[in-house]
Amino acid sequence: MSDSKHAELSAREVLEAVDGGGWRVSSGRLRAVYRSPDYATGVAFVARVAKVADAADHHPDLTLRYGDVAVTTYSHRSEERRVGK
């Protein structure tokens, strides 16, 4: 699916755009894992991410475990998770 307004980016271009921060491209998705010293700190981090995500109208998948939070995001335009079709 091609859209003249949006160019497809390679994994390398995406990683250059996010400028590090532990992000990796896997299966067409951008993913980072953030360590937390305890569960409560992870919960607070998830709440901050949720607030920013709502403001941006983009909602990543968040996986909270003791000691870390995984953040996975993807384009709504991707073939595997198309929205609005």
N, C-alpha and C. Protein backbone atom coordinates (compact mmCIF):
# COMPACT_ATOMS: atom_id res chain seq x y z
N MET A 1 0.86 -1.17 0.00
CA MET A 1 0.00 0.00 0.00
C MET A 1 0.90 1.23 0.00
N SER A 2 0.78 2.04 -1.01
CA SER A 2 1.65 3.20 -1.13
C SER A 2 0.82 4.47 -1.04
N ASP A 3 1.37 5.45 -0.40
CA ASP A 3 0.70 6.72 -0.21
C ASP A 3 1.71 7.80 -0.59
N SER A 4 1.33 8.70 -1.49
CA SER A 4 2.28 9.71 -1.95
C SER A 4 2.71 10.65 -0.83
N LYS A 5 1.94 10.77 0.23
CA LYS A 5 2.29 11.65 1.34
C LYS A 5 3.32 11.02 2.27
N HIS A 6 3.42 9.69 2.27
CA HIS A 6 4.29 8.98 3.20
C HIS A 6 5.24 8.06 2.45
N ALA A 7 6.51 8.23 2.66
CA ALA A 7 7.50 7.34 2.07
C ALA A 7 7.83 6.23 3.06
N GLU A 8 8.05 5.03 2.54
CA GLU A 8 8.47 3.94 3.40
C GLU A 8 9.92 4.17 3.83
N LEU A 9 10.21 3.94 5.08
CA LEU A 9 11.56 4.10 5.61
C LEU A 9 12.18 2.73 5.86
N SER A 10 13.46 2.64 5.64
CA SER A 10 14.17 1.41 5.98
C SER A 10 14.38 1.37 7.48
N ALA A 11 14.72 0.19 8.00
CA ALA A 11 15.01 0.06 9.44
C ALA A 11 16.15 0.99 9.83
N ARG A 12 17.14 1.10 8.97
CA ARG A 12 18.28 1.99 9.26
C ARG A 12 17.84 3.46 9.35
N GLU A 13 16.98 3.89 8.43
CA GLU A 13 16.49 5.27 8.45
C GLU A 13 15.68 5.56 9.71
N VAL A 14 14.89 4.57 10.11
CA VAL A 14 14.08 4.74 11.33
C VAL A 14 14.99 4.88 12.54
N LEU A 15 15.99 4.01 12.65
CA LEU A 15 16.90 4.06 13.81
C LEU A 15 17.70 5.36 13.82
N GLU A 16 18.08 5.86 12.66
CA GLU A 16 18.77 7.15 12.61
C GLU A 16 17.84 8.27 13.07
N ALA A 17 16.56 8.18 12.74
CA ALA A 17 15.59 9.22 13.11
C ALA A 17 15.34 9.25 14.62
N VAL A 18 15.34 8.09 15.28
CA VAL A 18 15.09 8.07 16.73
C VAL A 18 16.36 8.31 17.52
N ASP A 19 17.50 8.31 16.84
CA ASP A 19 18.78 8.69 17.44
C ASP A 19 19.10 7.89 18.70
N GLY A 20 19.11 6.59 18.57
CA GLY A 20 19.51 5.75 19.70
C GLY A 20 18.40 5.55 20.71
N GLY A 21 18.74 5.63 21.98
CA GLY A 21 17.76 5.45 23.03
C GLY A 21 17.34 4.01 23.24
N GLY A 22 18.09 3.07 22.68
CA GLY A 22 17.77 1.66 22.88
C GLY A 22 16.71 1.11 21.95
N TRP A 23 16.28 1.88 20.97
CA TRP A 23 15.25 1.42 20.04
C TRP A 23 15.84 0.43 19.05
N ARG A 24 15.02 -0.57 18.69
CA ARG A 24 15.39 -1.56 17.68
C ARG A 24 14.18 -1.78 16.77
N VAL A 25 14.45 -2.15 15.54
CA VAL A 25 13.38 -2.51 14.62
C VAL A 25 13.31 -4.02 14.56
N SER A 26 12.11 -4.55 14.79
CA SER A 26 11.90 -6.00 14.75
C SER A 26 10.53 -6.27 14.16
N SER A 27 10.47 -7.10 13.15
CA SER A 27 9.21 -7.46 12.49
C SER A 27 8.42 -6.23 12.07
N GLY A 28 9.10 -5.21 11.59
CA GLY A 28 8.42 -4.01 11.11
C GLY A 28 7.92 -3.09 12.20
N ARG A 29 8.34 -3.33 13.43
CA ARG A 29 7.91 -2.51 14.56
C ARG A 29 9.12 -1.93 15.27
N LEU A 30 8.92 -0.80 15.88
CA LEU A 30 9.97 -0.13 16.64
C LEU A 30 9.77 -0.49 18.11
N ARG A 31 10.83 -0.98 18.78
CA ARG A 31 10.69 -1.49 20.15
C ARG A 31 11.87 -1.06 21.00
N ALA A 32 11.56 -0.70 22.24
CA ALA A 32 12.59 -0.38 23.23
C ALA A 32 12.16 -0.95 24.57
N VAL A 33 13.13 -1.35 25.37
CA VAL A 33 12.85 -1.84 26.72
C VAL A 33 13.56 -0.92 27.70
N TYR A 34 12.80 -0.42 28.65
CA TYR A 34 13.33 0.49 29.67
C TYR A 34 13.34 -0.21 31.01
N ARG A 35 14.47 -0.20 31.67
CA ARG A 35 14.62 -0.84 32.98
C ARG A 35 14.06 0.07 34.07
N SER A 36 13.50 -0.55 35.08
CA SER A 36 13.02 0.20 36.24
C SER A 36 13.46 -0.54 37.50
N PRO A 37 13.75 0.21 38.57
CA PRO A 37 14.27 -0.42 39.78
C PRO A 37 13.21 -1.22 40.54
N ASP A 38 11.94 -0.92 40.28
CA ASP A 38 10.87 -1.64 40.97
C ASP A 38 9.57 -1.49 40.18
N TYR A 39 8.57 -2.22 40.59
CA TYR A 39 7.29 -2.24 39.87
C TYR A 39 6.61 -0.87 39.87
N ALA A 40 6.59 -0.19 41.00
CA ALA A 40 5.93 1.11 41.10
C ALA A 40 6.54 2.13 40.14
N THR A 41 7.86 2.10 39.99
CA THR A 41 8.52 3.01 39.05
C THR A 41 8.10 2.69 37.62
N GLY A 42 7.98 1.42 37.31
CA GLY A 42 7.51 1.01 35.98
C GLY A 42 6.08 1.48 35.72
N VAL A 43 5.22 1.36 36.72
CA VAL A 43 3.84 1.82 36.59
C VAL A 43 3.80 3.33 36.33
N ALA A 44 4.60 4.09 37.06
CA ALA A 44 4.65 5.54 36.87
C ALA A 44 5.15 5.89 35.46
N PHE A 45 6.13 5.14 34.95
CA PHE A 45 6.64 5.36 33.60
C PHE A 45 5.54 5.09 32.57
N VAL A 46 4.80 3.99 32.74
CA VAL A 46 3.69 3.67 31.84
C VAL A 46 2.66 4.80 31.84
N ALA A 47 2.36 5.35 33.00
CA ALA A 47 1.39 6.45 33.09
C ALA A 47 1.88 7.68 32.32
N ARG A 48 3.18 7.98 32.42
CA ARG A 48 3.74 9.13 31.68
C ARG A 48 3.69 8.88 30.17
N VAL A 49 4.04 7.67 29.75
CA VAL A 49 3.97 7.33 28.33
C VAL A 49 2.53 7.45 27.83
N ALA A 50 1.58 6.96 28.62
CA ALA A 50 0.16 7.02 28.23
C ALA A 50 -0.30 8.47 28.03
N LYS A 51 0.12 9.35 28.91
CA LYS A 51 -0.28 10.76 28.80
C LYS A 51 0.26 11.39 27.51
N VAL A 52 1.54 11.14 27.23
CA VAL A 52 2.16 11.68 26.01
C VAL A 52 1.53 11.04 24.77
N ALA A 53 1.28 9.74 24.82
CA ALA A 53 0.68 9.04 23.68
C ALA A 53 -0.72 9.56 23.38
N ASP A 54 -1.52 9.78 24.41
CA ASP A 54 -2.86 10.34 24.19
C ASP A 54 -2.79 11.72 23.55
N ALA A 55 -1.87 12.54 24.02
CA ALA A 55 -1.72 13.90 23.47
C ALA A 55 -1.31 13.84 22.00
N ALA A 56 -0.52 12.83 21.63
CA ALA A 56 -0.06 12.68 20.25
C ALA A 56 -1.03 11.86 19.39
N ASP A 57 -2.08 11.32 20.01
CA ASP A 57 -3.05 10.45 19.35
C ASP A 57 -2.35 9.26 18.68
N HIS A 58 -1.38 8.71 19.39
CA HIS A 58 -0.70 7.50 18.94
C HIS A 58 -0.48 6.63 20.18
N HIS A 59 -0.84 5.39 20.08
CA HIS A 59 -0.89 4.56 21.28
C HIS A 59 -0.05 3.30 21.13
N PRO A 60 1.18 3.33 21.65
CA PRO A 60 2.05 2.16 21.56
C PRO A 60 1.57 1.04 22.46
N ASP A 61 2.04 -0.16 22.15
CA ASP A 61 1.80 -1.29 23.04
C ASP A 61 2.80 -1.16 24.19
N LEU A 62 2.31 -1.29 25.41
CA LEU A 62 3.15 -1.20 26.61
C LEU A 62 3.06 -2.51 27.37
N THR A 63 4.21 -3.09 27.66
CA THR A 63 4.25 -4.34 28.43
C THR A 63 5.01 -4.06 29.72
N LEU A 64 4.29 -4.13 30.83
CA LEU A 64 4.86 -3.85 32.15
C LEU A 64 5.19 -5.16 32.85
N ARG A 65 6.44 -5.28 33.26
CA ARG A 65 6.89 -6.42 34.07
C ARG A 65 7.72 -5.87 35.20
N TYR A 66 7.91 -6.64 36.24
CA TYR A 66 8.78 -6.21 37.31
C TYR A 66 10.17 -6.01 36.72
N GLY A 67 10.71 -4.81 36.85
CA GLY A 67 12.06 -4.53 36.38
C GLY A 67 12.18 -3.90 35.01
N ASP A 68 11.09 -3.94 34.21
CA ASP A 68 11.19 -3.28 32.91
C ASP A 68 9.82 -3.02 32.29
N VAL A 69 9.86 -2.11 31.32
CA VAL A 69 8.67 -1.78 30.52
C VAL A 69 9.11 -1.83 29.06
N ALA A 70 8.40 -2.61 28.25
CA ALA A 70 8.67 -2.66 26.81
C ALA A 70 7.67 -1.75 26.11
N VAL A 71 8.18 -0.93 25.19
CA VAL A 71 7.35 -0.03 24.39
C VAL A 71 7.52 -0.45 22.94
N THR A 72 6.40 -0.79 22.31
CA THR A 72 6.42 -1.22 20.91
C THR A 72 5.44 -0.36 20.13
N THR A 73 5.91 0.17 19.02
CA THR A 73 5.05 1.03 18.22
C THR A 73 5.14 0.61 16.76
N TYR A 74 4.16 0.97 15.99
CA TYR A 74 4.09 0.61 14.58
C TYR A 74 3.28 1.66 13.87
N SER A 75 3.36 1.65 12.57
CA SER A 75 2.56 2.57 11.76
C SER A 75 1.16 2.00 11.60
N HIS A 76 0.16 2.84 11.73
CA HIS A 76 -1.21 2.40 11.47
C HIS A 76 -1.39 2.04 10.00
N ARG A 77 -0.42 2.42 9.18
CA ARG A 77 -0.48 2.13 7.75
C ARG A 77 0.11 0.75 7.43
N SER A 78 0.71 0.08 8.40
CA SER A 78 1.37 -1.19 8.11
C SER A 78 0.36 -2.23 7.66
N GLU A 79 0.81 -3.16 6.86
CA GLU A 79 -0.06 -4.20 6.33
C GLU A 79 -0.66 -5.08 7.43
N GLU A 80 0.11 -5.32 8.49
CA GLU A 80 -0.37 -6.26 9.51
C GLU A 80 -1.37 -5.64 10.48
N ARG A 81 -1.43 -4.32 10.59
CA ARG A 81 -2.36 -3.70 11.52
C ARG A 81 -2.93 -2.44 10.90
N ARG A 82 -3.62 -2.60 9.81
CA ARG A 82 -4.21 -1.47 9.13
C ARG A 82 -5.40 -0.94 9.90
N VAL A 83 -5.53 0.34 9.96
CA VAL A 83 -6.66 0.97 10.64
C VAL A 83 -7.48 1.70 9.60
N GLY A 84 -8.80 1.60 9.70
CA GLY A 84 -9.67 2.39 8.84
C GLY A 84 -9.92 1.80 7.48
N LYS A 85 -9.56 0.54 7.28
CA LYS A 85 -9.81 -0.07 5.98
C LYS A 85 -11.17 -0.70 5.95
